[in-house]
Amino acid sequence: MKITKFLFRFFFTLLIPAALYTLSPAVAAAPPATLEVTGYAETQIVPDTAYISIGMETAAPTVGIAQTRNNRDIQKIRTALQHAGIAPEDIKTTDFYVSPNYDSKNDTIISYTVTHMLRLKIHDLQRLSALLDTITQYAPNKIQDLTFVGEHIEGTERQLLQQAVQNGRNTAEITAAAAGKRLGDIKEITIPAAPSSRGTVRSVNLTAATPVAVGTATVRRQVHLVFYLQ
């Protein structure tokens, strides 16, 4: 019995310091100071591709008649565009819907309008004016934005990313020096999705021998950088 009490006291004495050590709060090291900056770069490019949206609105007493007439007109436009050199895969339907038309006096349906929108992708911008003239010959009654974009600019975007990183580093070095610190290693780099490079002509007067000035588009890239400070 005495041996048992002695062993109990011995183990109890050992457990108390261990428990106190376990329960005592650990002193955490302060996290290293960091600096977050954003680097920018941009340039002007000459677009290599154009998009234009055209369509037909057709009204008739019934949905069936309106749709039949609309399909006929859209098919004429498709055929003419393909003969003009636009590939079938570059002529895509973007919208199709039917709308009832009401009599304003007694709020009854008097006809239906079918709307069919096409989006054209034009690769050869030197032929753009001629293609626009072809479009006018088939009189689509809905013509929307003519948009110029740069789709083959991978090399330009790589250069802009390099410039954006250097721009961010320069900003970080100036900021760190002003705060009496030195710039350390990079902790994190975030690259947002690239915005599309486009220029838009919102109003296009499609007349014979339509002149179109392609102009330039702005390409921008940015990066978010986090540096350690020393």
Protein backbone atom coordinates (compact mmCIF):
# COMPACT_ATOMS: atom_id res chain seq x y z
CA MET A 1 0.00 0.00 0.00
CA LYS A 2 2.85 2.39 0.83
CA ILE A 3 4.56 1.53 -2.44
CA THR A 4 1.36 2.30 -4.36
CA LYS A 5 0.98 5.71 -2.66
CA PHE A 6 4.62 6.52 -3.36
CA LEU A 7 4.29 5.66 -7.04
CA PHE A 8 1.09 7.71 -7.32
CA ARG A 9 2.78 10.75 -5.77
CA PHE A 10 5.80 10.29 -8.04
CA PHE A 11 3.78 10.16 -11.26
CA PHE A 12 1.48 12.97 -10.13
CA THR A 13 4.53 15.16 -9.48
CA LEU A 14 5.83 14.46 -13.00
CA LEU A 15 2.48 15.14 -14.66
CA ILE A 16 1.92 18.59 -13.13
CA PRO A 17 4.84 20.33 -14.92
CA ALA A 18 3.97 18.57 -18.18
CA ALA A 19 0.37 19.73 -17.93
CA LEU A 20 1.43 23.28 -17.12
CA TYR A 21 3.79 23.27 -20.09
CA THR A 22 1.04 22.01 -22.38
CA LEU A 23 -1.47 24.62 -21.22
CA SER A 24 0.91 27.57 -21.36
CA PRO A 25 0.34 29.71 -24.49
CA ALA A 26 3.02 29.47 -27.15
CA VAL A 27 4.73 32.66 -28.14
CA ALA A 28 4.14 32.92 -31.93
CA ALA A 29 6.72 34.58 -34.09
CA ALA A 30 5.54 37.80 -35.74
CA PRO A 31 4.67 37.26 -39.44
CA PRO A 32 7.14 38.82 -41.87
CA ALA A 33 6.19 42.22 -43.25
CA THR A 34 4.96 42.22 -46.85
CA LEU A 35 4.21 44.79 -49.54
CA GLU A 36 1.53 44.33 -52.20
CA VAL A 37 1.67 46.23 -55.49
CA THR A 38 0.10 46.09 -58.96
CA GLY A 39 2.17 46.34 -62.12
CA TYR A 40 0.76 47.63 -65.41
CA ALA A 41 1.77 47.62 -69.06
CA GLU A 42 -0.07 48.50 -72.26
CA THR A 43 0.54 49.04 -75.95
CA GLN A 44 -1.33 49.83 -79.15
CA ILE A 45 -1.87 47.16 -81.81
CA VAL A 46 -3.44 47.04 -85.24
CA PRO A 47 -6.43 44.64 -85.02
CA ASP A 48 -6.39 41.55 -87.20
CA THR A 49 -10.03 40.45 -86.94
CA ALA A 50 -13.45 42.11 -87.17
CA TYR A 51 -16.86 41.08 -85.85
CA ILE A 52 -20.20 42.48 -86.93
CA SER A 53 -23.72 41.51 -85.87
CA ILE A 54 -26.52 41.60 -88.43
CA GLY A 55 -30.02 40.21 -88.48
CA MET A 56 -33.52 40.18 -89.85
CA GLU A 57 -36.79 41.12 -88.19
CA THR A 58 -39.84 39.77 -89.98
CA ALA A 59 -43.44 40.52 -89.01
CA ALA A 60 -46.46 38.49 -90.17
CA PRO A 61 -49.99 37.64 -88.99
CA THR A 62 -48.89 34.20 -87.77
CA VAL A 63 -45.71 32.78 -86.27
CA GLY A 64 -45.42 30.24 -89.08
CA ILE A 65 -45.54 32.83 -91.86
CA ALA A 66 -43.10 35.14 -90.05
CA GLN A 67 -40.66 32.31 -89.45
CA THR A 68 -40.85 31.06 -93.05
CA ARG A 69 -40.15 34.52 -94.46
CA ASN A 70 -37.38 35.13 -91.93
CA ASN A 71 -35.69 31.81 -92.68
CA ARG A 72 -35.78 32.60 -96.41
CA ASP A 73 -34.14 36.01 -95.95
CA ILE A 74 -31.51 34.72 -93.52
CA GLN A 75 -30.59 31.90 -95.88
CA LYS A 76 -30.11 34.41 -98.71
CA ILE A 77 -27.77 36.41 -96.51
CA ARG A 78 -25.83 33.29 -95.45
CA THR A 79 -25.38 32.18 -99.06
CA ALA A 80 -24.24 35.63 -100.19
CA LEU A 81 -21.73 35.89 -97.34
CA GLN A 82 -20.26 32.48 -98.13
CA HIS A 83 -19.94 33.44 -101.80
CA ALA A 84 -18.16 36.60 -100.64
CA GLY A 85 -15.56 34.49 -98.84
CA ILE A 86 -16.82 34.14 -95.26
CA ALA A 87 -16.52 30.52 -94.10
CA PRO A 88 -19.66 28.83 -92.72
CA GLU A 89 -18.04 28.42 -89.29
CA ASP A 90 -17.57 32.22 -89.17
CA ILE A 91 -21.31 32.83 -89.55
CA LYS A 92 -23.05 31.98 -86.29
CA THR A 93 -26.54 32.49 -84.93
CA THR A 94 -26.36 34.50 -81.71
CA ASP A 95 -30.04 35.14 -81.10
CA PHE A 96 -33.43 33.90 -82.28
CA TYR A 97 -36.77 34.80 -80.76
CA VAL A 98 -40.45 35.42 -81.49
CA SER A 99 -42.32 38.45 -80.13
CA PRO A 100 -46.08 39.06 -80.24
CA ASN A 101 -47.28 42.48 -81.44
CA TYR A 102 -50.32 43.93 -79.68
CA ASP A 103 -53.07 46.30 -80.73
CA SER A 104 -52.60 49.34 -78.51
CA LYS A 105 -56.36 49.90 -78.20
CA ASN A 106 -57.73 46.55 -77.07
CA ASP A 107 -54.46 44.78 -76.11
CA THR A 108 -54.92 41.85 -78.49
CA ILE A 109 -52.23 40.15 -80.57
CA ILE A 110 -52.31 41.34 -84.17
CA SER A 111 -49.07 39.83 -85.50
CA TYR A 112 -45.76 38.25 -84.60
CA THR A 113 -42.17 39.31 -85.20
CA VAL A 114 -39.38 36.79 -85.69
CA THR A 115 -35.84 38.05 -85.04
CA HIS A 116 -32.76 36.14 -86.15
CA MET A 117 -29.29 37.58 -85.39
CA LEU A 118 -26.00 36.47 -86.97
CA ARG A 119 -22.47 37.25 -85.85
CA LEU A 120 -19.88 37.40 -88.60
CA LYS A 121 -16.16 36.91 -88.06
CA ILE A 122 -13.99 38.56 -90.70
CA HIS A 123 -10.31 37.62 -90.89
CA ASP A 124 -9.24 39.58 -93.97
CA LEU A 125 -9.74 43.22 -92.99
CA GLN A 126 -8.61 44.42 -96.42
CA ARG A 127 -11.85 42.97 -97.80
CA LEU A 128 -14.02 44.40 -95.04
CA SER A 129 -15.47 47.29 -97.08
CA ALA A 130 -16.46 44.94 -99.92
CA LEU A 131 -18.06 42.53 -97.46
CA LEU A 132 -20.05 45.34 -95.87
CA ASP A 133 -21.30 46.33 -99.31
CA THR A 134 -22.39 42.73 -99.89
CA ILE A 135 -24.31 42.83 -96.62
CA THR A 136 -26.23 45.97 -97.65
CA GLN A 137 -27.35 44.35 -100.91
CA TYR A 138 -29.43 41.86 -98.93
CA ALA A 139 -30.84 44.56 -96.64
CA PRO A 140 -30.64 43.12 -93.15
CA ASN A 141 -32.75 45.41 -91.00
CA LYS A 142 -30.68 44.98 -87.85
CA ILE A 143 -27.01 45.96 -87.96
CA GLN A 144 -25.15 46.23 -84.67
CA ASP A 145 -21.63 47.01 -83.47
CA LEU A 146 -18.69 46.58 -85.78
CA THR A 147 -15.85 45.47 -83.51
CA PHE A 148 -12.14 45.16 -84.25
CA VAL A 149 -10.03 42.83 -82.12
CA GLY A 150 -6.53 41.44 -81.94
CA GLU A 151 -6.71 37.65 -81.77
CA HIS A 152 -3.13 36.71 -82.71
CA ILE A 153 -1.16 38.68 -80.15
CA GLU A 154 0.39 35.98 -77.96
CA GLY A 155 3.89 37.43 -78.36
CA THR A 156 2.67 40.92 -77.50
CA GLU A 157 0.93 39.65 -74.37
CA ARG A 158 4.08 37.85 -73.19
CA GLN A 159 6.07 41.07 -73.55
CA LEU A 160 3.40 43.02 -71.69
CA LEU A 161 3.46 40.54 -68.81
CA GLN A 162 7.23 40.95 -68.50
CA GLN A 163 6.85 44.72 -68.54
CA ALA A 164 4.03 44.61 -65.99
CA VAL A 165 6.14 42.53 -63.58
CA GLN A 166 9.06 44.96 -63.95
CA ASN A 167 6.72 47.90 -63.44
CA GLY A 168 5.39 46.32 -60.25
CA ARG A 169 8.90 45.61 -58.97
CA ASN A 170 9.97 49.21 -59.63
CA THR A 171 6.96 50.50 -57.72
CA ALA A 172 7.67 48.12 -54.84
CA GLU A 173 11.34 49.14 -54.64
CA ILE A 174 10.47 52.84 -54.51
CA THR A 175 7.77 52.26 -51.88
CA ALA A 176 9.99 50.04 -49.72
CA ALA A 177 12.86 52.54 -49.84
CA ALA A 178 10.52 55.37 -48.84
CA ALA A 179 9.49 53.31 -45.80
CA GLY A 180 13.10 52.58 -44.85
CA LYS A 181 12.90 48.94 -45.91
CA ARG A 182 14.55 46.72 -48.50
CA LEU A 183 12.68 44.56 -50.95
CA GLY A 184 12.92 40.81 -50.37
CA ASP A 185 11.77 37.80 -52.38
CA ILE A 186 8.42 37.56 -54.10
CA LYS A 187 5.84 35.81 -51.95
CA GLU A 188 2.97 35.66 -54.43
CA ILE A 189 2.11 36.57 -58.03
CA THR A 190 -1.47 36.83 -59.32
CA ILE A 191 -2.24 37.39 -63.00
CA PRO A 192 -5.83 38.51 -63.68
CA ALA A 193 -7.55 37.33 -66.84
CA ALA A 194 -6.48 39.37 -69.84
CA PRO A 195 -9.07 41.91 -70.98
CA SER A 196 -10.00 41.61 -74.62
CA SER A 197 -8.26 44.00 -76.97
CA ARG A 198 -10.93 45.61 -79.05
CA GLY A 199 -12.03 48.79 -80.70
CA THR A 200 -15.72 49.26 -81.45
CA VAL A 201 -17.55 51.27 -84.09
CA ARG A 202 -21.05 51.48 -82.68
CA SER A 203 -22.73 53.21 -85.59
CA VAL A 204 -21.94 52.05 -89.10
CA ASN A 205 -23.47 53.77 -92.11
CA LEU A 206 -23.45 50.94 -94.63
CA THR A 207 -23.65 52.58 -98.02
CA ALA A 208 -22.08 51.73 -101.36
CA ALA A 209 -18.28 51.52 -101.19
CA THR A 210 -18.38 51.78 -97.42
CA PRO A 211 -15.03 53.16 -96.19
CA VAL A 212 -13.86 51.63 -92.92
CA ALA A 213 -10.86 52.79 -90.89
CA VAL A 214 -9.58 49.96 -88.70
CA GLY A 215 -7.46 52.17 -86.44
CA THR A 216 -5.74 50.70 -83.39
CA ALA A 217 -6.74 48.88 -80.22
CA THR A 218 -5.21 48.98 -76.76
CA VAL A 219 -3.84 45.81 -75.17
CA ARG A 220 -3.35 45.92 -71.38
CA ARG A 221 -1.94 43.46 -68.87
CA GLN A 222 -1.51 43.71 -65.14
CA VAL A 223 -0.09 41.58 -62.33
CA HIS A 224 -0.51 41.65 -58.56
CA LEU A 225 2.76 41.09 -56.67
CA VAL A 226 3.40 40.47 -52.97
CA PHE A 227 6.99 41.00 -51.75
CA TYR A 228 8.61 40.27 -48.42
CA LEU A 229 10.20 43.29 -46.77
CA GLN A 230 13.58 43.21 -45.05
